[in-house]
PDB file of all heavy atoms in Angstrom:
ATOM      1  N   ARG A   1      17.074  13.436  36.281  1.00  0.00           N
ATOM      2  CA  ARG A   1      15.996  12.686  35.621  1.00  0.00           C
ATOM      3  C   ARG A   1      16.610  12.088  34.320  1.00  0.00           C
ATOM      4  O   ARG A   1      17.139  12.725  33.518  1.00  0.00           O
ATOM      5  CB  ARG A   1      14.862  13.552  35.217  1.00  0.00           C
ATOM      6  CG  ARG A   1      13.693  12.802  34.487  1.00  0.00           C
ATOM      7  CD  ARG A   1      12.512  13.792  34.212  1.00  0.00           C
ATOM      8  NE  ARG A   1      12.847  14.788  33.427  1.00  0.00           N
ATOM      9  CZ  ARG A   1      12.656  14.715  31.988  1.00  0.00           C
ATOM     10  NH1 ARG A   1      12.173  13.522  31.482  1.00  0.00           N
ATOM     11  NH2 ARG A   1      12.889  15.728  31.229  1.00  0.00           N
ATOM     12  N   GLN A   2      16.518  10.835  34.224  1.00  0.00           N
ATOM     13  CA  GLN A   2      17.123  10.073  33.080  1.00  0.00           C
ATOM     14  C   GLN A   2      16.050   9.569  32.171  1.00  0.00           C
ATOM     15  O   GLN A   2      15.049   9.040  32.552  1.00  0.00           O
ATOM     16  CB  GLN A   2      17.997   8.901  33.624  1.00  0.00           C
ATOM     17  CG  GLN A   2      18.930   8.328  32.504  1.00  0.00           C
ATOM     18  CD  GLN A   2      19.816   7.244  33.092  1.00  0.00           C
ATOM     19  OE1 GLN A   2      19.335   6.201  33.481  1.00  0.00           O
ATOM     20  NE2 GLN A   2      21.097   7.515  33.201  1.00  0.00           N
ATOM     21  N   GLU A   3      16.303   9.879  30.817  1.00  0.00           N
ATOM     22  CA  GLU A   3      15.213   9.438  29.881  1.00  0.00           C
ATOM     23  C   GLU A   3      15.922   8.577  28.746  1.00  0.00           C
ATOM     24  O   GLU A   3      16.992   8.960  28.213  1.00  0.00           O
ATOM     25  CB  GLU A   3      14.638  10.647  29.242  1.00  0.00           C
ATOM     26  CG  GLU A   3      13.511  10.388  28.250  1.00  0.00           C
ATOM     27  CD  GLU A   3      12.850  11.657  27.730  1.00  0.00           C
ATOM     28  OE1 GLU A   3      13.639  12.472  27.171  1.00  0.00           O
ATOM     29  OE2 GLU A   3      11.562  11.778  27.801  1.00  0.00           O
ATOM     30  N   LYS A   4      15.324   7.481  28.470  1.00  0.00           N
ATOM     31  CA  LYS A   4      15.909   6.593  27.441  1.00  0.00           C
ATOM     32  C   LYS A   4      14.948   6.496  26.282  1.00  0.00           C
ATOM     33  O   LYS A   4      13.764   6.387  26.447  1.00  0.00           O
ATOM     34  CB  LYS A   4      16.194   5.133  27.967  1.00  0.00           C
ATOM     35  CG  LYS A   4      17.198   5.136  29.018  1.00  0.00           C
ATOM     36  CD  LYS A   4      17.421   3.627  29.400  1.00  0.00           C
ATOM     37  CE  LYS A   4      18.574   3.577  30.477  1.00  0.00           C
ATOM     38  NZ  LYS A   4      18.759   2.117  30.961  1.00  0.00           N
ATOM     39  N   LYS A   5      15.552   6.628  25.075  1.00  0.00           N
ATOM     40  CA  LYS A   5      14.781   6.528  23.795  1.00  0.00           C
ATOM     41  C   LYS A   5      15.317   5.532  22.925  1.00  0.00           C
ATOM     42  O   LYS A   5      16.607   5.412  22.776  1.00  0.00           O
ATOM     43  CB  LYS A   5      14.784   7.942  23.127  1.00  0.00           C
ATOM     44  CG  LYS A   5      14.087   9.065  23.757  1.00  0.00           C
ATOM     45  CD  LYS A   5      14.152  10.299  22.969  1.00  0.00           C
ATOM     46  CE  LYS A   5      13.508  11.486  23.635  1.00  0.00           C
ATOM     47  NZ  LYS A   5      13.727  12.737  22.853  1.00  0.00           N
ATOM     48  N   GLU A   6      14.531   4.847  22.178  1.00  0.00           N
ATOM     49  CA  GLU A   6      15.000   3.939  21.186  1.00  0.00           C
ATOM     50  C   GLU A   6      14.115   3.990  19.953  1.00  0.00           C
ATOM     51  O   GLU A   6      12.926   3.940  20.023  1.00  0.00           O
ATOM     52  CB  GLU A   6      14.929   2.404  21.674  1.00  0.00           C
ATOM     53  CG  GLU A   6      15.409   1.374  20.736  1.00  0.00           C
ATOM     54  CD  GLU A   6      15.502  -0.044  21.175  1.00  0.00           C
ATOM     55  OE1 GLU A   6      15.018  -0.296  22.260  1.00  0.00           O
ATOM     56  OE2 GLU A   6      16.130  -0.818  20.552  1.00  0.00           O
ATOM     57  N   LEU A   7      14.774   4.153  18.806  1.00  0.00           N
ATOM     58  CA  LEU A   7      14.086   4.055  17.548  1.00  0.00           C
ATOM     59  C   LEU A   7      13.924   2.682  16.998  1.00  0.00           C
ATOM     60  O   LEU A   7      14.941   2.069  16.788  1.00  0.00           O
ATOM     61  CB  LEU A   7      14.807   4.978  16.538  1.00  0.00           C
ATOM     62  CG  LEU A   7      14.218   5.066  15.127  1.00  0.00           C
ATOM     63  CD1 LEU A   7      12.867   5.787  15.237  1.00  0.00           C
ATOM     64  CD2 LEU A   7      15.124   5.758  14.122  1.00  0.00           C
ATOM     65  N   VAL A   8      12.715   2.261  16.912  1.00  0.00           N
ATOM     66  CA  VAL A   8      12.450   0.876  16.350  1.00  0.00           C
ATOM     67  C   VAL A   8      11.743   1.099  14.930  1.00  0.00           C
ATOM     68  O   VAL A   8      10.880   1.805  14.758  1.00  0.00           O
ATOM     69  CB  VAL A   8      11.536   0.102  17.246  1.00  0.00           C
ATOM     70  CG1 VAL A   8      11.162  -1.258  16.734  1.00  0.00           C
ATOM     71  CG2 VAL A   8      12.093  -0.006  18.713  1.00  0.00           C
ATOM     72  N   ILE A   9      12.317   0.419  13.974  1.00  0.00           N
ATOM     73  CA  ILE A   9      11.871   0.421  12.593  1.00  0.00           C
ATOM     74  C   ILE A   9      11.193  -0.837  12.126  1.00  0.00           C
ATOM     75  O   ILE A   9      11.853  -1.879  12.322  1.00  0.00           O
ATOM     76  CB  ILE A   9      13.084   0.883  11.663  1.00  0.00           C
ATOM     77  CG1 ILE A   9      13.578   2.240  12.014  1.00  0.00           C
ATOM     78  CG2 ILE A   9      12.522   0.858  10.206  1.00  0.00           C
ATOM     79  CD1 ILE A   9      14.865   2.580  11.325  1.00  0.00           C
ATOM     80  N   LEU A  10       9.990  -0.643  11.630  1.00  0.00           N
ATOM     81  CA  LEU A  10       9.330  -1.943  11.200  1.00  0.00           C
ATOM     82  C   LEU A  10       9.193  -1.808   9.664  1.00  0.00           C
ATOM     83  O   LEU A  10       8.673  -0.768   9.063  1.00  0.00           O
ATOM     84  CB  LEU A  10       7.885  -2.045  11.792  1.00  0.00           C
ATOM     85  CG  LEU A  10       7.738  -2.008  13.263  1.00  0.00           C
ATOM     86  CD1 LEU A  10       6.375  -1.960  13.727  1.00  0.00           C
ATOM     87  CD2 LEU A  10       8.469  -3.221  13.893  1.00  0.00           C
ATOM     88  N   ILE A  11       9.706  -2.850   8.908  1.00  0.00           N
ATOM     89  CA  ILE A  11       9.693  -2.799   7.469  1.00  0.00           C
ATOM     90  C   ILE A  11       8.918  -4.038   7.059  1.00  0.00           C
ATOM     91  O   ILE A  11       9.244  -5.083   7.453  1.00  0.00           O
ATOM     92  CB  ILE A  11      11.157  -2.846   6.842  1.00  0.00           C
ATOM     93  CG1 ILE A  11      11.921  -1.584   7.456  1.00  0.00           C
ATOM     94  CG2 ILE A  11      11.120  -2.908   5.395  1.00  0.00           C
ATOM     95  CD1 ILE A  11      13.321  -1.546   7.021  1.00  0.00           C
ATOM     96  N   LYS A  12       7.991  -3.815   6.083  1.00  0.00           N
ATOM     97  CA  LYS A  12       7.216  -4.873   5.489  1.00  0.00           C
ATOM     98  C   LYS A  12       7.504  -4.895   3.983  1.00  0.00           C
ATOM     99  O   LYS A  12       6.880  -4.105   3.237  1.00  0.00           O
ATOM    100  CB  LYS A  12       5.722  -4.754   5.815  1.00  0.00           C
ATOM    101  CG  LYS A  12       4.857  -5.882   5.225  1.00  0.00           C
ATOM    102  CD  LYS A  12       3.429  -5.698   5.542  1.00  0.00           C
ATOM    103  CE  LYS A  12       2.664  -6.783   4.916  1.00  0.00           C
ATOM    104  NZ  LYS A  12       1.170  -6.635   5.237  1.00  0.00           N
ATOM    105  N   PRO A  13       8.439  -5.700   3.475  1.00  0.00           N
ATOM    106  CA  PRO A  13       8.644  -5.633   2.046  1.00  0.00           C
ATOM    107  C   PRO A  13       7.616  -6.425   1.348  1.00  0.00           C
ATOM    108  O   PRO A  13       7.222  -7.533   1.781  1.00  0.00           O
ATOM    109  CB  PRO A  13       9.969  -6.385   1.880  1.00  0.00           C
ATOM    110  CG  PRO A  13      10.084  -7.262   3.105  1.00  0.00           C
ATOM    111  CD  PRO A  13       9.389  -6.531   4.195  1.00  0.00           C
ATOM    112  N   THR A  14       7.036  -5.959   0.264  1.00  0.00           N
ATOM    113  CA  THR A  14       6.050  -6.623  -0.508  1.00  0.00           C
ATOM    114  C   THR A  14       6.552  -6.661  -2.014  1.00  0.00           C
ATOM    115  O   THR A  14       6.796  -5.579  -2.625  1.00  0.00           O
ATOM    116  CB  THR A  14       4.712  -5.924  -0.458  1.00  0.00           C
ATOM    117  OG1 THR A  14       4.316  -5.905   0.925  1.00  0.00           O
ATOM    118  CG2 THR A  14       3.641  -6.657  -1.241  1.00  0.00           C
ATOM    119  N   VAL A  15       6.721  -7.882  -2.564  1.00  0.00           N
ATOM    120  CA  VAL A  15       7.122  -7.974  -4.041  1.00  0.00           C
ATOM    121  C   VAL A  15       5.876  -7.829  -4.893  1.00  0.00           C
ATOM    122  O   VAL A  15       4.900  -8.584  -4.703  1.00  0.00           O
ATOM    123  CB  VAL A  15       7.787  -9.375  -4.196  1.00  0.00           C
ATOM    124  CG1 VAL A  15       8.246  -9.502  -5.741  1.00  0.00           C
ATOM    125  CG2 VAL A  15       9.017  -9.494  -3.348  1.00  0.00           C
ATOM    126  N   VAL A  16       5.953  -6.885  -5.723  1.00  0.00           N
ATOM    127  CA  VAL A  16       4.840  -6.667  -6.630  1.00  0.00           C
ATOM    128  C   VAL A  16       5.127  -7.318  -8.036  1.00  0.00           C
ATOM    129  O   VAL A  16       6.092  -7.036  -8.724  1.00  0.00           O
ATOM    130  CB  VAL A  16       4.730  -5.157  -6.949  1.00  0.00           C
ATOM    131  CG1 VAL A  16       3.515  -4.874  -7.927  1.00  0.00           C
ATOM    132  CG2 VAL A  16       4.463  -4.370  -5.619  1.00  0.00           C
ATOM    133  N   MET A  17       4.267  -8.395  -8.297  1.00  0.00           N
ATOM    134  CA  MET A  17       4.410  -9.187  -9.491  1.00  0.00           C
ATOM    135  C   MET A  17       3.665  -8.549 -10.630  1.00  0.00           C
ATOM    136  O   MET A  17       2.872  -7.594 -10.435  1.00  0.00           O
ATOM    137  CB  MET A  17       3.849 -10.544  -9.301  1.00  0.00           C
ATOM    138  CG  MET A  17       4.513 -11.366  -8.200  1.00  0.00           C
ATOM    139  SD  MET A  17       6.302 -11.679  -8.601  1.00  0.00           S
ATOM    140  CE  MET A  17       6.806 -12.698  -7.177  1.00  0.00           C
ATOM    141  N   PRO A  18       4.072  -8.911 -11.900  1.00  0.00           N
ATOM    142  CA  PRO A  18       3.379  -8.227 -13.022  1.00  0.00           C
ATOM    143  C   PRO A  18       1.886  -8.258 -12.979  1.00  0.00           C
ATOM    144  O   PRO A  18       1.248  -7.275 -13.315  1.00  0.00           O
ATOM    145  CB  PRO A  18       3.937  -9.123 -14.254  1.00  0.00           C
ATOM    146  CG  PRO A  18       5.284  -9.635 -13.817  1.00  0.00           C
ATOM    147  CD  PRO A  18       5.068  -9.835 -12.303  1.00  0.00           C
ATOM    148  N   ASP A  19       1.268  -9.415 -12.608  1.00  0.00           N
ATOM    149  CA  ASP A  19      -0.171  -9.461 -12.613  1.00  0.00           C
ATOM    150  C   ASP A  19      -0.760  -8.556 -11.517  1.00  0.00           C
ATOM    151  O   ASP A  19      -1.952  -8.160 -11.581  1.00  0.00           O
ATOM    152  CB  ASP A  19      -0.641 -10.898 -12.356  1.00  0.00           C
ATOM    153  CG  ASP A  19      -0.170 -11.571 -11.181  1.00  0.00           C
ATOM    154  OD1 ASP A  19       0.852 -11.023 -10.646  1.00  0.00           O
ATOM    155  OD2 ASP A  19      -0.721 -12.453 -10.647  1.00  0.00           O
ATOM    156  N   ALA A  20      -0.016  -8.209 -10.432  1.00  0.00           N
ATOM    157  CA  ALA A  20      -0.438  -7.349  -9.413  1.00  0.00           C
ATOM    158  C   ALA A  20      -0.831  -5.998  -9.927  1.00  0.00           C
ATOM    159  O   ALA A  20      -1.785  -5.342  -9.494  1.00  0.00           O
ATOM    160  CB  ALA A  20       0.477  -7.263  -8.276  1.00  0.00           C
ATOM    161  N   TRP A  21      -0.035  -5.420 -10.941  1.00  0.00           N
ATOM    162  CA  TRP A  21      -0.393  -4.193 -11.546  1.00  0.00           C
ATOM    163  C   TRP A  21      -1.638  -4.225 -12.231  1.00  0.00           C
ATOM    164  O   TRP A  21      -2.457  -3.290 -12.164  1.00  0.00           O
ATOM    165  CB  TRP A  21       0.825  -3.717 -12.437  1.00  0.00           C
ATOM    166  CG  TRP A  21       2.036  -3.424 -11.781  1.00  0.00           C
ATOM    167  CD1 TRP A  21       3.217  -4.136 -11.738  1.00  0.00           C
ATOM    168  CD2 TRP A  21       2.356  -2.274 -10.931  1.00  0.00           C
ATOM    169  NE1 TRP A  21       4.156  -3.533 -10.985  1.00  0.00           N
ATOM    170  CE2 TRP A  21       3.660  -2.384 -10.378  1.00  0.00           C
ATOM    171  CE3 TRP A  21       1.534  -1.238 -10.401  1.00  0.00           C
ATOM    172  CZ2 TRP A  21       4.232  -1.509  -9.638  1.00  0.00           C
ATOM    173  CZ3 TRP A  21       2.089  -0.289  -9.527  1.00  0.00           C
ATOM    174  CH2 TRP A  21       3.444  -0.459  -9.062  1.00  0.00           C
ATOM    175  N   LYS A  22      -1.874  -5.273 -13.027  1.00  0.00           N
ATOM    176  CA  LYS A  22      -3.225  -5.419 -13.650  1.00  0.00           C
ATOM    177  C   LYS A  22      -4.393  -5.455 -12.711  1.00  0.00           C
ATOM    178  O   LYS A  22      -5.402  -4.854 -12.952  1.00  0.00           O
ATOM    179  CB  LYS A  22      -3.182  -6.664 -14.554  1.00  0.00           C
ATOM    180  CG  LYS A  22      -2.132  -6.650 -15.688  1.00  0.00           C
ATOM    181  CD  LYS A  22      -2.150  -7.924 -16.510  1.00  0.00           C
ATOM    182  CE  LYS A  22      -1.072  -7.838 -17.589  1.00  0.00           C
ATOM    183  NZ  LYS A  22      -0.994  -9.131 -18.312  1.00  0.00           N
ATOM    184  N   LYS A  23      -4.190  -6.167 -11.537  1.00  0.00           N
ATOM    185  CA  LYS A  23      -5.318  -6.253 -10.568  1.00  0.00           C
ATOM    186  C   LYS A  23      -5.610  -4.862  -9.971  1.00  0.00           C
ATOM    187  O   LYS A  23      -6.724  -4.435  -9.833  1.00  0.00           O
ATOM    188  CB  LYS A  23      -4.972  -7.216  -9.513  1.00  0.00           C
ATOM    189  CG  LYS A  23      -4.954  -8.685  -9.963  1.00  0.00           C
ATOM    190  CD  LYS A  23      -4.591  -9.591  -8.800  1.00  0.00           C
ATOM    191  CE  LYS A  23      -4.523 -11.053  -9.338  1.00  0.00           C
ATOM    192  NZ  LYS A  23      -4.037 -11.914  -8.204  1.00  0.00           N
ATOM    193  N   GLN A  24      -4.455  -4.153  -9.788  1.00  0.00           N
ATOM    194  CA  GLN A  24      -4.637  -2.794  -9.164  1.00  0.00           C
ATOM    195  C   GLN A  24      -5.181  -1.894 -10.164  1.00  0.00           C
ATOM    196  O   GLN A  24      -6.071  -0.996  -9.756  1.00  0.00           O
ATOM    197  CB  GLN A  24      -3.176  -2.238  -8.759  1.00  0.00           C
ATOM    198  CG  GLN A  24      -3.209  -0.926  -8.022  1.00  0.00           C
ATOM    199  CD  GLN A  24      -3.883  -1.021  -6.704  1.00  0.00           C
ATOM    200  OE1 GLN A  24      -3.796  -1.987  -6.038  1.00  0.00           O
ATOM    201  NE2 GLN A  24      -4.562  -0.035  -6.253  1.00  0.00           N
ATOM    202  N   GLN A  25      -4.915  -1.962 -11.384  1.00  0.00           N
ATOM    203  CA  GLN A  25      -5.498  -1.035 -12.417  1.00  0.00           C
ATOM    204  C   GLN A  25      -6.952  -1.385 -12.666  1.00  0.00           C
ATOM    205  O   GLN A  25      -7.834  -0.526 -12.739  1.00  0.00           O
ATOM    206  CB  GLN A  25      -4.822  -1.364 -13.831  1.00  0.00           C
ATOM    207  CG  GLN A  25      -3.412  -0.644 -13.893  1.00  0.00           C
ATOM    208  CD  GLN A  25      -2.769  -0.977 -15.184  1.00  0.00           C
ATOM    209  OE1 GLN A  25      -3.170  -1.729 -15.933  1.00  0.00           O
ATOM    210  NE2 GLN A  25      -1.642  -0.191 -15.368  1.00  0.00           N
ATOM    211  N   ALA A  26      -7.369  -2.651 -12.627  1.00  0.00           N
ATOM    212  CA  ALA A  26      -8.759  -3.073 -12.671  1.00  0.00           C
ATOM    213  C   ALA A  26      -9.524  -2.633 -11.500  1.00  0.00           C
ATOM    214  O   ALA A  26     -10.740  -2.113 -11.634  1.00  0.00           O
ATOM    215  CB  ALA A  26      -8.928  -4.553 -12.873  1.00  0.00           C
ATOM    216  N   HIS A  27      -8.993  -2.664 -10.320  1.00  0.00           N
ATOM    217  CA  HIS A  27      -9.644  -2.228  -9.067  1.00  0.00           C
ATOM    218  C   HIS A  27      -9.805  -0.630  -9.245  1.00  0.00           C
ATOM    219  O   HIS A  27     -10.948  -0.123  -8.919  1.00  0.00           O
ATOM    220  CB  HIS A  27      -8.796  -2.581  -7.916  1.00  0.00           C
ATOM    221  CG  HIS A  27      -9.333  -2.051  -6.585  1.00  0.00           C
ATOM    222  ND1 HIS A  27     -10.536  -2.536  -6.020  1.00  0.00           N
ATOM    223  CD2 HIS A  27      -8.943  -1.011  -5.752  1.00  0.00           C
ATOM    224  CE1 HIS A  27     -10.778  -1.844  -4.937  1.00  0.00           C
ATOM    225  NE2 HIS A  27      -9.810  -0.915  -4.713  1.00  0.00           N
ATOM    226  N   SER A  28      -8.777   0.118  -9.637  1.00  0.00           N
ATOM    227  CA  SER A  28      -8.982   1.555  -9.759  1.00  0.00           C
ATOM    228  C   SER A  28      -9.968   2.026 -10.811  1.00  0.00           C
ATOM    229  O   SER A  28     -10.759   2.915 -10.594  1.00  0.00           O
ATOM    230  CB  SER A  28      -7.536   2.112 -10.157  1.00  0.00           C
ATOM    231  OG  SER A  28      -6.599   1.905  -9.171  1.00  0.00           O
ATOM    232  N   ARG A  29      -9.955   1.158 -11.965  1.00  0.00           N
ATOM    233  CA  ARG A  29     -10.950   1.510 -12.902  1.00  0.00           C
ATOM    234  C   ARG A  29     -12.393   1.214 -12.542  1.00  0.00           C
ATOM    235  O   ARG A  29     -13.283   2.072 -12.771  1.00  0.00           O
ATOM    236  CB  ARG A  29     -10.721   0.592 -14.207  1.00  0.00           C
ATOM    237  CG  ARG A  29     -11.383   1.035 -15.504  1.00  0.00           C
ATOM    238  CD  ARG A  29     -10.968   0.237 -16.692  1.00  0.00           C
ATOM    239  NE  ARG A  29      -9.557   0.404 -17.006  1.00  0.00           N
ATOM    240  CZ  ARG A  29      -8.686  -0.579 -16.887  1.00  0.00           C
ATOM    241  NH1 ARG A  29      -8.996  -1.750 -16.518  1.00  0.00           N
ATOM    242  NH2 ARG A  29      -7.357  -0.298 -17.224  1.00  0.00           N
ATOM    243  N   ALA A  30     -12.621   0.141 -11.730  1.00  0.00           N
ATOM    244  CA  ALA A  30     -13.903  -0.159 -11.209  1.00  0.00           C
ATOM    245  C   ALA A  30     -14.347   0.937 -10.115  1.00  0.00           C
ATOM    246  O   ALA A  30     -15.541   1.400 -10.216  1.00  0.00           O
ATOM    247  CB  ALA A  30     -13.932  -1.474 -10.493  1.00  0.00           C
ATOM    248  N   LEU A  31     -13.341   1.449  -9.413  1.00  0.00           N
ATOM    249  CA  LEU A  31     -13.599   2.479  -8.606  1.00  0.00           C
ATOM    250  C   LEU A  31     -14.102   3.879  -9.234  1.00  0.00           C
ATOM    251  O   LEU A  31     -15.019   4.445  -8.739  1.00  0.00           O
ATOM    252  CB  LEU A  31     -12.494   2.785  -7.595  1.00  0.00           C
ATOM    253  CG  LEU A  31     -12.633   3.136  -6.097  1.00  0.00           C
ATOM    254  CD1 LEU A  31     -13.157   1.951  -5.380  1.00  0.00           C
ATOM    255  CD2 LEU A  31     -11.359   3.624  -5.486  1.00  0.00           C
ATOM    256  N   LEU A  32     -13.339   4.134 -10.222  1.00  0.00           N
ATOM    257  CA  LEU A  32     -13.714   5.317 -10.992  1.00  0.00           C
ATOM    258  C   LEU A  32     -15.103   5.358 -11.673  1.00  0.00           C
ATOM    259  O   LEU A  32     -15.826   6.209 -11.640  1.00  0.00           O
ATOM    260  CB  LEU A  32     -12.565   5.635 -12.065  1.00  0.00           C
ATOM    261  CG  LEU A  32     -11.297   6.177 -11.615  1.00  0.00           C
ATOM    262  CD1 LEU A  32     -10.170   6.146 -12.644  1.00  0.00           C
ATOM    263  CD2 LEU A  32     -11.375   7.541 -11.038  1.00  0.00           C
ATOM    264  N   ASN A  33     -15.396   4.127 -12.233  1.00  0.00           N
ATOM    265  CA  ASN A  33     -16.642   3.925 -12.781  1.00  0.00           C
ATOM    266  C   ASN A  33     -17.804   4.106 -11.804  1.00  0.00           C
ATOM    267  O   ASN A  33     -18.840   4.701 -12.087  1.00  0.00           O
ATOM    268  CB  ASN A  33     -16.795   2.540 -13.441  1.00  0.00           C
ATOM    269  CG  ASN A  33     -15.877   2.407 -14.660  1.00  0.00           C
ATOM    270  OD1 ASN A  33     -15.592   3.443 -15.389  1.00  0.00           O
ATOM    271  ND2 ASN A  33     -15.438   1.211 -14.940  1.00  0.00           N
ATOM    272  N   THR A  34     -17.534   3.617 -10.623  1.00  0.00           N
ATOM    273  CA  THR A  34     -18.590   3.743  -9.499  1.00  0.00           C
ATOM    274  C   THR A  34     -18.788   5.245  -9.155  1.00  0.00           C
ATOM    275  O   THR A  34     -19.845   5.745  -8.964  1.00  0.00           O
ATOM    276  CB  THR A  34     -18.067   2.993  -8.259  1.00  0.00           C
ATOM    277  OG1 THR A  34     -17.894   1.626  -8.612  1.00  0.00           O
ATOM    278  CG2 THR A  34     -19.175   3.053  -7.216  1.00  0.00           C
ATOM    279  N   TRP A  35     -17.676   5.957  -9.083  1.00  0.00           N
ATOM    280  CA  TRP A  35     -17.749   7.416  -8.779  1.00  0.00           C
ATOM    281  C   TRP A  35     -18.547   8.138  -9.873  1.00  0.00           C
ATOM    282  O   TRP A  35     -19.362   9.093  -9.540  1.00  0.00           O
ATOM    283  CB  TRP A  35     -16.342   8.079  -8.572  1.00  0.00           C
ATOM    284  CG  TRP A  35     -15.621   7.582  -7.339  1.00  0.00           C
ATOM    285  CD1 TRP A  35     -16.212   6.930  -6.285  1.00  0.00           C
ATOM    286  CD2 TRP A  35     -14.295   7.639  -7.136  1.00  0.00           C
ATOM    287  NE1 TRP A  35     -15.237   6.647  -5.333  1.00  0.00           N
ATOM    288  CE2 TRP A  35     -14.042   7.048  -5.811  1.00  0.00           C
ATOM    289  CE3 TRP A  35     -13.187   8.140  -7.801  1.00  0.00           C
ATOM    290  CZ2 TRP A  35     -12.761   7.030  -5.211  1.00  0.00           C
ATOM    291  CZ3 TRP A  35     -11.889   8.115  -7.192  1.00  0.00           C
ATOM    292  CH2 TRP A  35     -11.797   7.567  -5.995  1.00  0.00           C
ATOM    293  N   TYR A  36     -18.211   7.938 -11.141  1.00  0.00           N
ATOM    294  CA  TYR A  36     -18.843   8.664 -12.269  1.00  0.00           C
ATOM    295  C   TYR A  36     -20.264   8.309 -12.391  1.00  0.00           C
ATOM    296  O   TYR A  36     -21.147   9.100 -12.881  1.00  0.00           O
ATOM    297  CB  TYR A  36     -18.049   8.368 -13.524  1.00  0.00           C
ATOM    298  CG  TYR A  36     -16.748   9.164 -13.600  1.00  0.00           C
ATOM    299  CD1 TYR A  36     -15.540   8.568 -13.826  1.00  0.00           C
ATOM    300  CD2 TYR A  36     -16.724  10.544 -13.467  1.00  0.00           C
ATOM    301  CE1 TYR A  36     -14.388   9.237 -13.886  1.00  0.00           C
ATOM    302  CE2 TYR A  36     -15.575  11.291 -13.547  1.00  0.00           C
ATOM    303  CZ  TYR A  36     -14.385  10.603 -13.686  1.00  0.00           C
ATOM    304  OH  TYR A  36     -13.202  11.278 -13.848  1.00  0.00           O
ATOM    305  N   GLU A  37     -20.717   7.022 -12.032  1.00  0.00           N
ATOM    306  CA  GLU A  37     -22.058   6.671 -12.102  1.00  0.00           C
ATOM    307  C   GLU A  37     -22.953   7.400 -11.089  1.00  0.00           C
ATOM    308  O   GLU A  37     -24.073   7.708 -11.339  1.00  0.00           O
ATOM    309  CB  GLU A  37     -22.211   5.147 -12.015  1.00  0.00           C
ATOM    310  CG  GLU A  37     -21.698   4.422 -13.165  1.00  0.00           C
ATOM    311  CD  GLU A  37     -21.768   2.858 -12.923  1.00  0.00           C
ATOM    312  OE1 GLU A  37     -22.107   2.400 -11.781  1.00  0.00           O
ATOM    313  OE2 GLU A  37     -21.330   2.097 -13.826  1.00  0.00           O
TER     314      GLU A  37
END
């Protein structure tokens, strides 16, 4: 019985710009406010 295996790697690079951190922080802050309310 012969078995063949192949490892396939999928990579998705995403460049995070300075304004992306601010958007992420605003989204997290809004989420936290919703939880506490």
